[in-house]
Structure formats: C-alpha cells, structure tokens
Amino acid sequence: MASGEQHRWDGQNLFNSLGPEAIESFTENGLCKFKKSVLHRKIWKPGLQAVGEAFEFLNRQPVPAPMAADQNTMFPIRKSIERQGHTEGASATNLFVSSARDLMNALAKDARSEGRLSLNPDLLPAVLAHPLHPTPLLVSSGGTSSRCAGNGLWTLDLKRHYRELRYHEASSLVTIGTGLTMAELLEGLRSHQRALPIGLSGVPGSGFLLTGGMGPLSRLQGLAMDHIQRIEGVWGNGVAFNVHRHDVIGDERAARYWRALLGAAPFFAVVTGLDLRTRPIKPLAVLQERITVDALPNWIRSAEQWLPSASLQWSWGDHVEVYAVECVPDGGTPDLLPALAGEAAEICADQLSLPVFGRLTSDQKPSPFHCEVLGRLGSSWGEQAESVVDRLREQMMRRPHPSCRISAQQLGGATGTVAAASTSFIHRDAVWKPWITAAWTPGDLPGRKHALEWMDCVSHALMALNPGVHLAQLHDHLPCHDQELKDAFGSWLPSLQQLKVELDPDQRLCRL
C-alpha cells in the first residue's frame, strides 16, 4: 500500500501493509479493530479489493496475520484455516475462513474444498462484485446438497450471519435469514402456533424454499416456495436487491426477476433474507409401514384418488416403505389413514414430530456412502403403475450399492393452482416426484461411475411418465446438467439464460 497522505492502495502487497501497527485494538472474543487510516474512505468500498486479494492469496500460501479489508470495522480472527485436509497457521479477518469439512452432506464433507467463507451483509456484495477464482462460488445453508462444497472451490456459508427470525403478528408473516434450517424455522414459529409446509426432513436450509419446496402437506397447502412474499439478496454481479411480491405488479422487468428467483435463484443470486406466509399448526396422522413390491401399484393408484388433505410418499431400498400423511381437520379426526391402517396410524402434533422417512427400507445400519440425487416430475401413473414399477424392479435388482434407492412423493392439489408462468417451477401439473439416490462407497471411483450410470438408467425408465426435472440438487459438475436444465425449465430456459448474462455475466454462481 502506498503510504502517501491519502493512503491510496496501489493494488500490491495489501497484506504486507497490514502489520501490527495497523491494529487499533483487540477484543476479548478475538476480534480486531483496524485504524481508519489504513484504507482511505474516499478510495475504498468496504472489502472490495481486499476480498479479491484474499481469494488470490489463499489459493497460494498461508494467510499472514493480521489482515483486513475494511476501515474501522471489526473482523473475526481465527488461528488456523483447514484446506484440503491440512492445517496451515494463519489468521483470518474480513473473511471468516474455515473448513467446509463439517458440512452435513457426506460427499460435500469429503470434498477437497478450498474452504468456507462466512461473509456479513456488508461484505457479500463486494465479494460477488470482484473477479473470483475459481468459480463457481458454491453456497451452503442447510448443507444437505452434494454441491454445497466441491473440489477446489470455495463455499459461501450462510449459517453464521443470516439467522434472523421475526414473526409479525399482524400479518402472520415471518422474516427469516437464509442461514436457518427448516427445523429451526418451524421451531421458531412453534410458540406462535404457526408453521409452513416443509419437506420430509427439517435439515435442509433455504435452498429447499427457493427451488420449490415439496413435502407431505404440498397437496393441501402448496409448495413452500409459493409462501414467499419478499426476497432479499445479492445478484451474481454484486448488486444488492430487495423485492416484494407486490412490487412486481405492472413492472415487466421486475416480474421477470421475481419469476427467476422463484425456482431458479441459485443460478442468479445469493439470497440472504425472505418474508414468508405462515399457517396455523395442524396435527397430522401418519401411516408408515412396509409393503410388498407387488402392492405398490395399488397404493399409487389409490393415492391418486385421495383428497388433497392426504399424500403418499414411498421409498424403495432393501424393502418398500409407504409413508402416508393426512392433515387432521380442526376439531375433527382423520378418516382416511385410520381406515387404511386400523390402529397403526399415529397422530403427530406437527411436521417436526413426524417419524423419520425411509427408516423401514432396510434392517441394516448403512455404511458411509456418497451419493447424488436426481428428482423427476410427471403426471398420474394410473393404470400404468404396474408397468412403471416392473421397470423399476429391474433396475433395483441391478443397483450397484445397498444405499441406492428410488423414492417418490405425491403432488397435485394446491401445487397445481398456481400459474405455470408465474415461477420457474413450470411443472404445475405434476402429480408425482420420483427421485433417484445413486450411492457409492467413498473413494470408489469405479463404484461412482456405476452408480451414476444406474441413476441415468432409472431416470430413463421414469422419463415417459415423468418428463420434468426438479432441481433440488444441482449437477453442474455432471454430464447430465444441460439436459436437466432443459427438462426443468422447458421453454422458459432461454429467458433464464438471458437473465444470467445480465445478472451474473461472469458466471460466479452455478452455470445455466
């Protein structure tokens, strides 16, 4: 840094200039405060150039201590950063840099990631506005996706800085930060006796909401995504935005942005905050049991005749499990599931009290595995249910790993009442979402190849009745990515690609 009277940075040796003399003070919890004079206010935007320097620097050698990128600002200091399995002595600053190895998805956890970045709202736009390498920058909220960390890539972790939860009594809306999991969201709403429909697990984060959000209550209450009223975040080009559903009425450009965010947000933006409609908590009846493969078609056909208050999920591993959920009416009792199950139906207080889906598919404790998941979308199976199940039976007999599974959840009802052109989730006529879990032993590259080939075979077996794709998991690192984009977005894809050029021209986020 030049030491002239304006302290202008010349773009060289940024970290070398930030030695002990630049530190004003330390706090008890390990934060340091840098002197105002380190970076001139008229020259610098907070963190902009330092972030780029830090990205470049971290790829090459341990981070010197201390370093900073904003004037008169507090930054966390860590004593080490883990990269690719080894620890390097360092201190981090404006970037909260740590290992991505504690992410929940096993494949992401074992990735040789460059590390995890936790950026506050002031710094995030600067990071996205600056040239980044390598790209794409991956994003983690709940950490359940296989693509929340990747070999040689950085992960932006939302869990540290984006944890707001405020319930608004007058409007029944909840304002959340996208670092919360769905379980944390529902736990925070419990005291208000409110909820919104989540999936079969409370572990996923905001990616669940932004890519659709399907679960046992979708047929009755709609997709979780359809409850979004406001979206806040930063486009891939570094420009911050904050848009409400009502703001887009009569504004064609804003409406295109809104539609892109609902169902395709990971390609354009890092979303940091949401306003969501909530609903009263309802008790639920659940029936979970094993059935024979031959009985599955009858269950599928029967479920297609159910009222929207009930839904069927099933999973096929060593055994076939059916998992039916019915919303109990106010002051009433469930009538469908007890009729099906006799005394076997269980009453649960809310969604977080439901039993674990898939636990009856095997008697064995699964060994560690990596996996990729592909979800398809399609219409009623009806009288073709037997032929589809027969094709799936053939594939299950060839599955290359015990943790390979085929599962499905039922849609329809309220999910089909929203206009297809209003969001990027265009498959509003879908009745079923079958999904394929391709698993392999960690480190077994031939096993990975066989598992992905098996996933492709199952996908083709389902395609006739399930031509759509649900991009709950992104596969930009796999050969199937381009076809999945076409199957997910159909004729809307070219418009999305035009928006990509405008909003993320340097492909900082997942390619589209």
Protein backbone atom coordinates (compact mmCIF):
# COMPACT_ATOMS: atom_id res chain seq x y z
CA MET A 1 0.00 0.00 0.00
CA ALA A 2 1.34 3.42 -0.83
CA SER A 3 1.98 5.48 2.27
CA GLY A 4 1.14 8.85 0.70
CA GLU A 5 -1.09 11.27 2.50
CA GLN A 6 -4.29 9.75 1.06
CA HIS A 7 -3.19 6.18 1.81
CA ARG A 8 -4.28 5.02 -1.62
CA TRP A 9 -3.77 1.33 -2.24
CA ASP A 10 -1.81 0.62 -5.42
CA GLY A 11 -3.08 -2.94 -5.70
CA GLN A 12 0.15 -4.52 -4.46
CA ASN A 13 1.21 -6.09 -1.17
CA LEU A 14 -2.05 -5.38 0.61
CA PHE A 15 -1.45 -7.90 3.38
CA ASN A 16 2.15 -6.82 3.97
CA SER A 17 0.92 -3.31 4.75
CA LEU A 18 -1.47 -4.50 7.44
CA GLY A 19 1.01 -5.35 10.12
CA PRO A 20 0.64 -4.87 13.88
CA GLU A 21 0.94 -1.10 13.52
CA ALA A 22 -2.40 -1.09 11.66
CA ILE A 23 -4.30 -2.66 14.56
CA GLU A 24 -6.09 -0.30 16.88
CA SER A 25 -7.26 -2.82 19.47
CA PHE A 26 -8.27 -6.42 20.23
CA THR A 27 -11.43 -7.56 22.00
CA GLU A 28 -11.79 -10.43 24.44
CA ASN A 29 -13.59 -12.61 21.91
CA GLY A 30 -10.81 -12.47 19.35
CA LEU A 31 -11.92 -9.59 17.16
CA CYS A 32 -9.54 -6.91 15.98
CA LYS A 33 -10.25 -3.31 15.05
CA PHE A 34 -8.16 -1.67 12.35
CA LYS A 35 -7.31 2.01 12.24
CA LYS A 36 -9.33 4.25 9.95
CA SER A 37 -6.21 5.46 8.21
CA VAL A 38 -5.40 2.00 6.88
CA LEU A 39 -7.78 2.45 3.95
CA HIS A 40 -8.98 5.82 2.73
CA ARG A 41 -12.76 6.19 2.80
CA LYS A 42 -12.95 8.10 -0.48
CA ILE A 43 -11.00 5.45 -2.32
CA TRP A 44 -12.35 2.21 -0.87
CA LYS A 45 -15.61 0.43 -0.90
CA PRO A 46 -15.67 -1.89 2.13
CA GLY A 47 -13.74 -5.02 1.42
CA LEU A 48 -13.87 -4.83 -2.36
CA GLN A 49 -10.21 -5.12 -3.35
CA ALA A 50 -9.06 -6.87 -0.21
CA VAL A 51 -11.52 -9.68 -0.78
CA GLY A 52 -10.18 -10.33 -4.24
CA GLU A 53 -6.64 -10.19 -2.90
CA ALA A 54 -7.59 -12.62 -0.15
CA PHE A 55 -9.10 -15.09 -2.62
CA GLU A 56 -5.95 -15.00 -4.72
CA PHE A 57 -3.71 -15.19 -1.71
CA LEU A 58 -5.48 -18.09 -0.02
CA ASN A 59 -5.02 -20.22 -3.10
CA ARG A 60 -1.27 -19.97 -2.84
CA GLN A 61 0.05 -19.79 0.73
CA PRO A 62 -0.92 -19.42 4.39
CA VAL A 63 -2.67 -16.20 5.26
CA PRO A 64 -0.38 -13.73 7.06
CA ALA A 65 -1.59 -12.26 10.30
CA PRO A 66 -3.23 -9.93 10.64
CA MET A 67 -5.03 -8.73 7.54
CA ALA A 68 -8.13 -6.60 6.94
CA ALA A 69 -10.27 -5.15 4.22
CA ASP A 70 -12.50 -2.55 5.75
CA GLN A 71 -11.77 0.59 7.66
CA ASN A 72 -12.75 0.95 11.30
CA THR A 73 -14.53 -2.42 11.20
CA MET A 74 -14.44 -5.45 13.47
CA PHE A 75 -13.38 -8.75 11.92
CA PRO A 76 -13.18 -12.29 13.34
CA ILE A 77 -9.69 -13.72 13.84
CA ARG A 78 -9.14 -17.47 13.56
CA LYS A 79 -5.91 -19.17 14.48
CA SER A 80 -5.93 -21.60 11.61
CA ILE A 81 -7.64 -22.49 8.38
CA GLU A 82 -8.07 -26.00 7.12
CA ARG A 83 -7.68 -26.53 3.40
CA GLN A 84 -7.79 -29.86 1.67
CA GLY A 85 -7.27 -31.81 4.86
CA HIS A 86 -4.28 -29.99 6.39
CA THR A 87 -3.99 -27.10 8.79
CA GLU A 88 -2.00 -24.02 7.97
CA GLY A 89 -1.02 -21.44 10.57
CA ALA A 90 -2.93 -18.28 9.78
CA SER A 91 -5.28 -15.61 10.97
CA ALA A 92 -8.35 -14.70 9.00
CA THR A 93 -10.04 -11.33 9.04
CA ASN A 94 -12.74 -9.77 6.92
CA LEU A 95 -13.36 -13.22 5.51
CA PHE A 96 -14.35 -15.71 8.13
CA VAL A 97 -12.47 -18.61 6.58
CA SER A 98 -12.86 -22.12 7.88
CA SER A 99 -13.05 -25.67 6.66
CA ALA A 100 -16.01 -26.92 4.66
CA ARG A 101 -15.40 -30.40 6.04
CA ASP A 102 -18.10 -30.20 8.72
CA LEU A 103 -20.89 -29.80 6.18
CA MET A 104 -23.61 -32.38 6.59
CA ASN A 105 -23.74 -33.95 3.15
CA ALA A 106 -21.13 -36.72 3.13
CA LEU A 107 -19.94 -36.06 -0.42
CA ALA A 108 -19.58 -32.35 0.27
CA LYS A 109 -17.94 -33.05 3.61
CA ASP A 110 -15.23 -35.14 1.97
CA ALA A 111 -14.64 -32.72 -0.91
CA ARG A 112 -11.20 -31.16 -1.14
CA SER A 113 -12.72 -27.73 -0.82
CA GLU A 114 -10.69 -24.54 -0.74
CA GLY A 115 -12.61 -23.59 2.40
CA ARG A 116 -15.74 -21.95 3.66
CA LEU A 117 -16.42 -18.22 3.69
CA SER A 118 -18.81 -16.57 6.12
CA LEU A 119 -19.44 -13.03 4.91
CA ASN A 120 -21.56 -10.40 6.60
CA PRO A 121 -24.17 -8.44 4.61
CA ASP A 122 -21.79 -5.50 4.06
CA LEU A 123 -19.05 -7.67 2.61
CA LEU A 124 -21.08 -10.07 0.48
CA PRO A 125 -21.78 -7.62 -2.39
CA ALA A 126 -18.08 -6.77 -2.53
CA VAL A 127 -17.12 -10.41 -2.90
CA LEU A 128 -19.57 -11.01 -5.73
CA ALA A 129 -18.64 -7.76 -7.49
CA HIS A 130 -14.95 -8.65 -7.53
CA PRO A 131 -13.42 -11.13 -10.01
CA LEU A 132 -13.37 -14.51 -8.30
CA HIS A 133 -11.25 -17.56 -8.93
CA PRO A 134 -12.03 -20.38 -9.02
CA THR A 135 -15.71 -20.33 -9.87
CA PRO A 136 -18.46 -21.20 -9.30
CA LEU A 137 -18.78 -19.96 -5.75
CA LEU A 138 -20.84 -22.64 -4.00
CA VAL A 139 -23.45 -21.76 -1.39
CA SER A 140 -24.46 -23.63 1.75
CA SER A 141 -27.42 -23.03 4.02
CA GLY A 142 -28.51 -26.37 5.45
CA GLY A 143 -25.57 -28.25 3.95
CA THR A 144 -27.62 -31.21 2.66
CA SER A 145 -26.77 -30.80 -1.03
CA SER A 146 -23.87 -32.68 -2.59
CA ARG A 147 -22.96 -29.39 -4.27
CA CYS A 148 -22.63 -27.25 -1.15
CA ALA A 149 -18.88 -27.92 -1.36
CA GLY A 150 -16.69 -29.12 -4.19
CA ASN A 151 -13.11 -29.98 -5.04
CA GLY A 152 -11.02 -26.86 -5.47
CA LEU A 153 -13.95 -24.48 -4.90
CA TRP A 154 -14.98 -22.06 -2.18
CA THR A 155 -18.22 -22.43 -0.24
CA LEU A 156 -20.15 -19.40 0.95
CA ASP A 157 -21.69 -20.43 4.27
CA LEU A 158 -24.84 -18.53 5.23
CA LYS A 159 -25.28 -20.11 8.65
CA ARG A 160 -23.19 -17.62 10.64
CA HIS A 161 -24.55 -14.22 9.59
CA TYR A 162 -28.07 -14.86 8.27
CA ARG A 163 -30.06 -16.23 11.20
CA GLU A 164 -32.82 -13.68 11.70
CA LEU A 165 -36.29 -14.92 12.62
CA ARG A 166 -39.06 -12.38 13.34
CA TYR A 167 -42.73 -13.25 13.37
CA HIS A 168 -45.16 -10.43 12.54
CA GLU A 169 -48.38 -10.99 14.43
CA ALA A 170 -50.48 -8.55 12.42
CA SER A 171 -49.67 -10.01 9.01
CA SER A 172 -48.84 -13.62 10.01
CA LEU A 173 -45.63 -13.24 8.01
CA VAL A 174 -42.22 -14.38 9.22
CA THR A 175 -38.96 -12.69 8.25
CA ILE A 176 -36.02 -15.08 8.15
CA GLY A 177 -32.36 -15.14 7.28
CA THR A 178 -31.39 -17.88 4.88
CA GLY A 179 -28.88 -19.40 7.28
CA LEU A 180 -31.69 -21.19 9.13
CA THR A 181 -32.69 -24.79 8.56
CA MET A 182 -36.33 -25.71 8.09
CA ALA A 183 -36.35 -27.27 11.56
CA GLU A 184 -35.05 -24.04 13.08
CA LEU A 185 -37.70 -22.09 11.20
CA LEU A 186 -40.55 -24.28 12.47
CA GLU A 187 -39.11 -24.34 16.00
CA GLY A 188 -39.08 -20.56 15.97
CA LEU A 189 -42.72 -20.43 14.86
CA ARG A 190 -43.99 -23.03 17.34
CA SER A 191 -44.55 -20.53 20.14
CA HIS A 192 -46.85 -18.61 17.80
CA GLN A 193 -48.68 -21.79 16.78
CA ARG A 194 -47.69 -21.12 13.18
CA ALA A 195 -45.86 -23.12 10.51
CA LEU A 196 -45.42 -23.51 6.78
CA PRO A 197 -45.13 -26.70 4.72
CA ILE A 198 -41.63 -28.20 4.75
CA GLY A 199 -40.24 -31.41 3.31
CA LEU A 200 -39.62 -34.86 4.72
CA SER A 201 -36.75 -33.57 6.86
CA GLY A 202 -36.07 -30.43 8.85
CA VAL A 203 -32.37 -30.46 7.97
CA PRO A 204 -32.41 -28.61 4.59
CA GLY A 205 -31.88 -24.87 4.50
CA SER A 206 -33.25 -22.09 2.35
CA GLY A 207 -32.38 -23.87 -0.89
CA PHE A 208 -35.42 -26.03 -0.15
CA LEU A 209 -37.65 -22.95 -0.20
CA LEU A 210 -36.10 -21.35 -3.27
CA THR A 211 -36.11 -24.40 -5.55
CA GLY A 212 -39.71 -25.41 -4.93
CA GLY A 213 -40.15 -26.91 -1.51
CA MET A 214 -42.18 -30.12 -1.69
CA GLY A 215 -43.42 -32.14 1.24
CA PRO A 216 -46.28 -34.14 2.74
CA LEU A 217 -48.51 -31.04 3.01
CA SER A 218 -47.88 -29.70 -0.50
CA ARG A 219 -51.16 -31.06 -1.89
CA LEU A 220 -53.12 -29.20 0.77
CA GLN A 221 -51.04 -26.06 1.33
CA GLY A 222 -48.96 -25.69 -1.84
CA LEU A 223 -45.22 -25.55 -2.35
CA ALA A 224 -43.11 -23.87 0.31
CA MET A 225 -41.86 -21.56 -2.46
CA ASP A 226 -45.41 -20.30 -3.01
CA HIS A 227 -45.35 -18.84 0.52
CA ILE A 228 -42.51 -16.41 -0.31
CA GLN A 229 -43.58 -12.75 -0.21
CA ARG A 230 -40.24 -10.93 -0.24
CA ILE A 231 -36.72 -11.84 -1.35
CA GLU A 232 -33.52 -10.05 -0.39
CA GLY A 233 -30.02 -10.83 -1.57
CA VAL A 234 -27.19 -10.06 -3.97
CA TRP A 235 -27.12 -10.84 -7.68
CA GLY A 236 -24.08 -12.61 -9.08
CA ASN A 237 -22.82 -9.25 -10.37
CA GLY A 238 -22.61 -7.88 -6.82
CA VAL A 239 -25.74 -5.69 -6.95
CA ALA A 240 -27.95 -5.98 -3.87
CA PHE A 241 -31.73 -6.31 -4.26
CA ASN A 242 -34.80 -6.40 -2.06
CA VAL A 243 -38.05 -7.12 -3.88
CA HIS A 244 -41.59 -7.78 -2.64
CA ARG A 245 -44.19 -9.80 -4.48
CA HIS A 246 -46.44 -6.74 -4.80
CA ASP A 247 -43.61 -4.62 -6.25
CA VAL A 248 -43.58 -6.61 -9.49
CA ILE A 249 -47.20 -5.94 -10.43
CA GLY A 250 -47.18 -3.91 -13.63
CA ASP A 251 -43.38 -3.98 -13.88
CA GLU A 252 -42.38 -6.47 -16.56
CA ARG A 253 -38.68 -6.38 -15.78
CA ALA A 254 -39.19 -6.84 -12.04
CA ALA A 255 -41.67 -9.64 -12.76
CA ARG A 256 -39.01 -11.50 -14.77
CA TYR A 257 -36.56 -11.16 -11.89
CA TRP A 258 -39.19 -12.38 -9.43
CA ARG A 259 -40.07 -15.36 -11.58
CA ALA A 260 -36.39 -16.27 -11.97
CA LEU A 261 -35.81 -16.14 -8.22
CA LEU A 262 -38.74 -18.45 -7.53
CA GLY A 263 -37.35 -21.79 -8.61
CA ALA A 264 -34.03 -20.80 -10.18
CA ALA A 265 -32.42 -18.47 -7.62
CA PRO A 266 -29.16 -20.45 -7.21
CA PHE A 267 -28.18 -19.59 -10.78
CA PHE A 268 -28.55 -15.83 -10.31
CA ALA A 269 -28.17 -14.74 -6.73
CA VAL A 270 -27.19 -15.37 -3.17
CA VAL A 271 -30.46 -14.92 -1.30
CA THR A 272 -29.98 -13.72 2.27
CA GLY A 273 -33.48 -12.92 3.54
CA LEU A 274 -37.11 -13.91 2.96
CA ASP A 275 -40.59 -12.97 4.10
CA LEU A 276 -42.94 -15.97 4.19
CA ARG A 277 -46.64 -16.50 4.74
CA THR A 278 -47.35 -18.81 7.64
CA ARG A 279 -50.25 -21.10 8.52
CA PRO A 280 -51.76 -22.42 11.75
CA ILE A 281 -50.13 -25.59 13.04
CA LYS A 282 -52.26 -28.66 12.38
CA PRO A 283 -51.94 -32.14 13.88
CA LEU A 284 -51.06 -34.86 11.40
CA ALA A 285 -51.88 -38.54 11.07
CA VAL A 286 -49.13 -40.71 9.62
CA LEU A 287 -49.07 -44.29 8.44
CA GLN A 288 -45.61 -45.78 7.93
CA GLU A 289 -45.23 -49.43 7.04
CA ARG A 290 -43.50 -51.94 4.80
CA ILE A 291 -45.34 -53.35 1.84
CA THR A 292 -44.51 -55.81 -0.91
CA VAL A 293 -43.34 -54.57 -4.29
CA ASP A 294 -46.47 -56.08 -5.84
CA ALA A 295 -48.66 -53.93 -3.57
CA LEU A 296 -47.02 -50.65 -4.58
CA PRO A 297 -49.04 -50.02 -7.78
CA ASN A 298 -52.31 -50.29 -5.85
CA TRP A 299 -51.08 -47.78 -3.27
CA ILE A 300 -50.08 -45.38 -6.06
CA ARG A 301 -53.44 -45.64 -7.80
CA SER A 302 -55.38 -45.29 -4.55
CA ALA A 303 -53.40 -42.21 -3.52
CA GLU A 304 -54.22 -40.52 -6.81
CA GLN A 305 -57.88 -40.58 -5.70
CA TRP A 306 -57.26 -39.12 -2.23
CA LEU A 307 -58.40 -35.69 -1.16
CA PRO A 308 -55.64 -33.04 -1.04
CA SER A 309 -55.57 -33.32 2.75
CA ALA A 310 -53.60 -36.58 2.38
CA SER A 311 -50.46 -37.53 0.49
CA LEU A 312 -48.39 -40.62 -0.20
CA GLN A 313 -44.62 -40.92 -0.09
CA TRP A 314 -42.74 -44.15 -0.68
CA SER A 315 -39.14 -45.33 -0.69
CA TRP A 316 -37.61 -48.49 -2.12
CA GLY A 317 -34.37 -49.87 -0.74
CA ASP A 318 -33.97 -53.38 0.64
CA HIS A 319 -37.70 -53.10 1.35
CA VAL A 320 -40.51 -50.83 0.15
CA GLU A 321 -41.82 -48.33 2.68
CA VAL A 322 -45.04 -46.36 2.29
CA TYR A 323 -45.43 -43.16 4.27
CA ALA A 324 -48.88 -41.58 4.15
CA VAL A 325 -49.67 -38.30 5.88
CA GLU A 326 -53.09 -36.74 6.47
CA CYS A 327 -53.83 -33.32 7.92
CA VAL A 328 -56.31 -33.59 10.79
CA PRO A 329 -59.23 -31.13 10.40
CA ASP A 330 -59.97 -28.60 13.12
CA GLY A 331 -61.82 -30.30 15.94
CA GLY A 332 -62.05 -33.49 13.94
CA THR A 333 -60.31 -36.79 13.42
CA PRO A 334 -58.54 -38.18 10.37
CA ASP A 335 -60.73 -40.54 8.42
CA LEU A 336 -58.55 -41.80 5.57
CA LEU A 337 -55.49 -43.23 7.30
CA PRO A 338 -57.26 -44.98 10.18
CA ALA A 339 -59.47 -46.65 7.59
CA LEU A 340 -56.36 -47.86 5.80
CA ALA A 341 -54.34 -48.79 8.84
CA GLY A 342 -56.69 -49.68 11.65
CA GLU A 343 -54.78 -48.84 14.82
CA ALA A 344 -51.44 -48.33 13.03
CA ALA A 345 -51.92 -44.66 12.17
CA GLU A 346 -50.02 -42.35 14.51
CA ILE A 347 -51.13 -38.83 15.43
CA CYS A 348 -48.31 -36.25 15.47
CA ALA A 349 -48.52 -32.73 16.86
CA ASP A 350 -46.85 -31.10 13.85
CA GLN A 351 -44.42 -31.67 11.00
CA LEU A 352 -41.34 -31.79 13.24
CA SER A 353 -42.94 -34.64 15.19
CA LEU A 354 -43.33 -36.91 12.16
CA PRO A 355 -41.27 -40.12 12.15
CA VAL A 356 -38.14 -40.34 10.02
CA PHE A 357 -38.96 -41.09 6.40
CA GLY A 358 -37.24 -44.15 4.92
CA ARG A 359 -36.27 -45.85 8.17
CA LEU A 360 -38.12 -49.05 7.23
CA THR A 361 -36.36 -49.54 3.90
CA SER A 362 -33.51 -51.52 5.48
CA ASP A 363 -32.77 -53.55 8.58
CA GLN A 364 -29.07 -52.75 8.37
CA LYS A 365 -27.28 -49.66 9.58
CA PRO A 366 -25.90 -48.11 6.38
CA SER A 367 -22.16 -47.87 5.98
CA PRO A 368 -20.77 -44.45 4.97
CA PHE A 369 -21.56 -43.58 1.37
CA HIS A 370 -21.50 -40.73 -1.10
CA CYS A 371 -24.48 -40.04 -3.32
CA GLU A 372 -26.08 -37.88 -5.97
CA VAL A 373 -29.84 -37.36 -6.15
CA LEU A 374 -31.97 -36.71 -9.24
CA GLY A 375 -35.65 -35.81 -9.00
CA ARG A 376 -38.12 -36.14 -11.87
CA LEU A 377 -41.65 -34.75 -12.22
CA GLY A 378 -44.64 -36.13 -14.02
CA SER A 379 -48.31 -36.87 -14.28
CA SER A 380 -50.58 -39.52 -12.83
CA TRP A 381 -49.34 -43.11 -13.20
CA GLY A 382 -52.84 -44.59 -13.09
CA GLU A 383 -53.16 -47.88 -14.94
CA GLN A 384 -49.51 -47.69 -15.99
CA ALA A 385 -48.35 -48.00 -12.39
CA GLU A 386 -47.68 -51.75 -12.76
CA SER A 387 -45.50 -51.34 -15.83
CA VAL A 388 -43.53 -48.50 -14.22
CA VAL A 389 -42.99 -50.50 -11.04
CA ASP A 390 -41.90 -53.51 -13.10
CA ARG A 391 -39.27 -51.40 -14.86
CA LEU A 392 -38.10 -50.04 -11.54
CA ARG A 393 -37.93 -53.57 -10.12
CA GLU A 394 -35.50 -54.50 -12.89
CA GLN A 395 -33.33 -51.53 -12.02
CA MET A 396 -33.43 -52.24 -8.30
CA MET A 397 -32.18 -55.75 -8.96
CA ARG A 398 -29.15 -54.16 -10.65
CA ARG A 399 -28.45 -51.42 -8.13
CA PRO A 400 -24.69 -51.17 -7.62
CA HIS A 401 -24.74 -50.25 -3.93
CA PRO A 402 -27.04 -51.11 -0.99
CA SER A 403 -27.81 -47.43 -0.40
CA CYS A 404 -29.09 -46.86 -3.93
CA ARG A 405 -32.80 -46.09 -3.67
CA ILE A 406 -35.83 -44.99 -5.62
CA SER A 407 -38.38 -42.86 -3.79
CA ALA A 408 -41.36 -40.68 -4.62
CA GLN A 409 -43.67 -38.08 -3.15
CA GLN A 410 -47.13 -37.08 -4.26
CA LEU A 411 -48.01 -33.63 -5.58
CA GLY A 412 -51.16 -32.19 -7.15
CA GLY A 413 -53.96 -30.40 -5.38
CA ALA A 414 -52.76 -26.95 -4.29
CA THR A 415 -49.45 -27.24 -6.15
CA GLY A 416 -51.37 -27.07 -9.42
CA THR A 417 -53.39 -23.96 -8.60
CA VAL A 418 -50.52 -21.53 -9.30
CA ALA A 419 -49.99 -20.41 -12.89
CA ALA A 420 -47.05 -22.19 -14.51
CA ALA A 421 -45.72 -18.91 -15.93
CA SER A 422 -45.57 -17.17 -12.55
CA THR A 423 -42.49 -19.02 -11.26
CA SER A 424 -39.57 -21.00 -12.64
CA PHE A 425 -41.21 -24.18 -11.35
CA ILE A 426 -43.13 -24.79 -14.57
CA HIS A 427 -44.35 -28.33 -13.88
CA ARG A 428 -47.52 -27.33 -12.07
CA ASP A 429 -49.40 -30.30 -13.49
CA ALA A 430 -47.04 -32.77 -11.79
CA VAL A 431 -48.68 -35.44 -9.65
CA TRP A 432 -45.54 -37.36 -8.69
CA LYS A 433 -41.96 -36.50 -7.94
CA PRO A 434 -39.91 -39.71 -8.05
CA TRP A 435 -36.28 -39.28 -7.09
CA ILE A 436 -33.23 -41.48 -7.52
CA THR A 437 -30.42 -41.82 -4.99
CA ALA A 438 -27.23 -43.08 -6.63
CA ALA A 439 -24.80 -44.20 -3.92
CA TRP A 440 -21.24 -45.49 -3.80
CA THR A 441 -18.50 -46.16 -1.27
CA PRO A 442 -16.35 -43.07 -0.62
CA GLY A 443 -13.22 -43.16 -2.75
CA ASP A 444 -14.53 -45.89 -5.06
CA LEU A 445 -14.29 -44.18 -8.45
CA PRO A 446 -15.49 -47.21 -10.47
CA GLY A 447 -18.36 -47.51 -7.99
CA ARG A 448 -19.22 -43.86 -8.53
CA LYS A 449 -19.25 -44.39 -12.29
CA HIS A 450 -21.54 -47.41 -11.99
CA ALA A 451 -23.87 -45.59 -9.59
CA LEU A 452 -24.24 -42.59 -11.91
CA GLU A 453 -24.86 -44.89 -14.87
CA TRP A 454 -27.52 -46.66 -12.82
CA MET A 455 -29.11 -43.29 -11.96
CA ASP A 456 -29.24 -42.49 -15.66
CA CYS A 457 -30.90 -45.84 -16.44
CA VAL A 458 -33.55 -45.34 -13.75
CA SER A 459 -34.14 -41.81 -14.98
CA HIS A 460 -34.81 -43.10 -18.49
CA ALA A 461 -37.17 -45.75 -17.11
CA LEU A 462 -39.19 -42.98 -15.46
CA MET A 463 -39.00 -40.42 -18.23
CA ALA A 464 -42.07 -41.38 -20.26
CA LEU A 465 -44.44 -40.52 -17.42
CA ASN A 466 -42.10 -38.11 -15.65
CA PRO A 467 -40.51 -35.87 -18.29
CA GLY A 468 -39.77 -32.96 -15.95
CA VAL A 469 -36.88 -32.48 -13.55
CA HIS A 470 -36.88 -30.87 -10.13
CA LEU A 471 -33.54 -29.17 -9.49
CA ALA A 472 -33.43 -29.62 -5.73
CA GLN A 473 -29.83 -30.78 -6.32
CA LEU A 474 -27.59 -29.05 -8.86
CA HIS A 475 -25.43 -31.19 -11.12
CA ASP A 476 -23.31 -28.62 -12.94
CA HIS A 477 -20.34 -30.93 -12.32
CA LEU A 478 -22.01 -33.87 -14.12
CA PRO A 479 -22.63 -34.53 -17.84
CA CYS A 480 -26.40 -34.64 -17.27
CA HIS A 481 -26.58 -30.97 -16.21
CA ASP A 482 -27.52 -29.44 -19.57
CA GLN A 483 -30.32 -31.93 -20.20
CA GLU A 484 -31.61 -31.46 -16.66
CA LEU A 485 -31.85 -27.71 -17.26
CA LYS A 486 -33.97 -28.33 -20.37
CA ASP A 487 -36.20 -30.79 -18.53
CA ALA A 488 -36.57 -28.46 -15.54
CA PHE A 489 -37.29 -25.16 -17.29
CA GLY A 490 -38.55 -26.08 -20.76
CA SER A 491 -39.33 -23.09 -22.98
CA TRP A 492 -38.54 -20.70 -20.10
CA LEU A 493 -34.84 -21.69 -20.22
CA PRO A 494 -33.74 -19.24 -22.98
CA SER A 495 -35.22 -16.35 -20.99
CA LEU A 496 -33.39 -17.53 -17.88
CA GLN A 497 -30.16 -17.70 -19.84
CA GLN A 498 -30.66 -14.11 -21.00
CA LEU A 499 -31.15 -13.05 -17.38
CA LYS A 500 -27.99 -14.94 -16.47
CA VAL A 501 -26.00 -12.76 -18.87
CA GLU A 502 -27.45 -9.66 -17.22
CA LEU A 503 -27.35 -10.66 -13.56
CA ASP A 504 -24.34 -12.98 -13.36
CA PRO A 505 -22.31 -12.24 -16.50
CA ASP A 506 -19.06 -13.63 -15.12
CA GLN A 507 -20.60 -16.97 -14.07
CA ARG A 508 -19.69 -16.53 -10.41
CA LEU A 509 -22.57 -18.83 -9.50
CA CYS A 510 -23.75 -22.15 -10.95
CA ARG A 511 -23.75 -22.17 -14.74
CA LEU A 512 -27.07 -22.13 -16.54
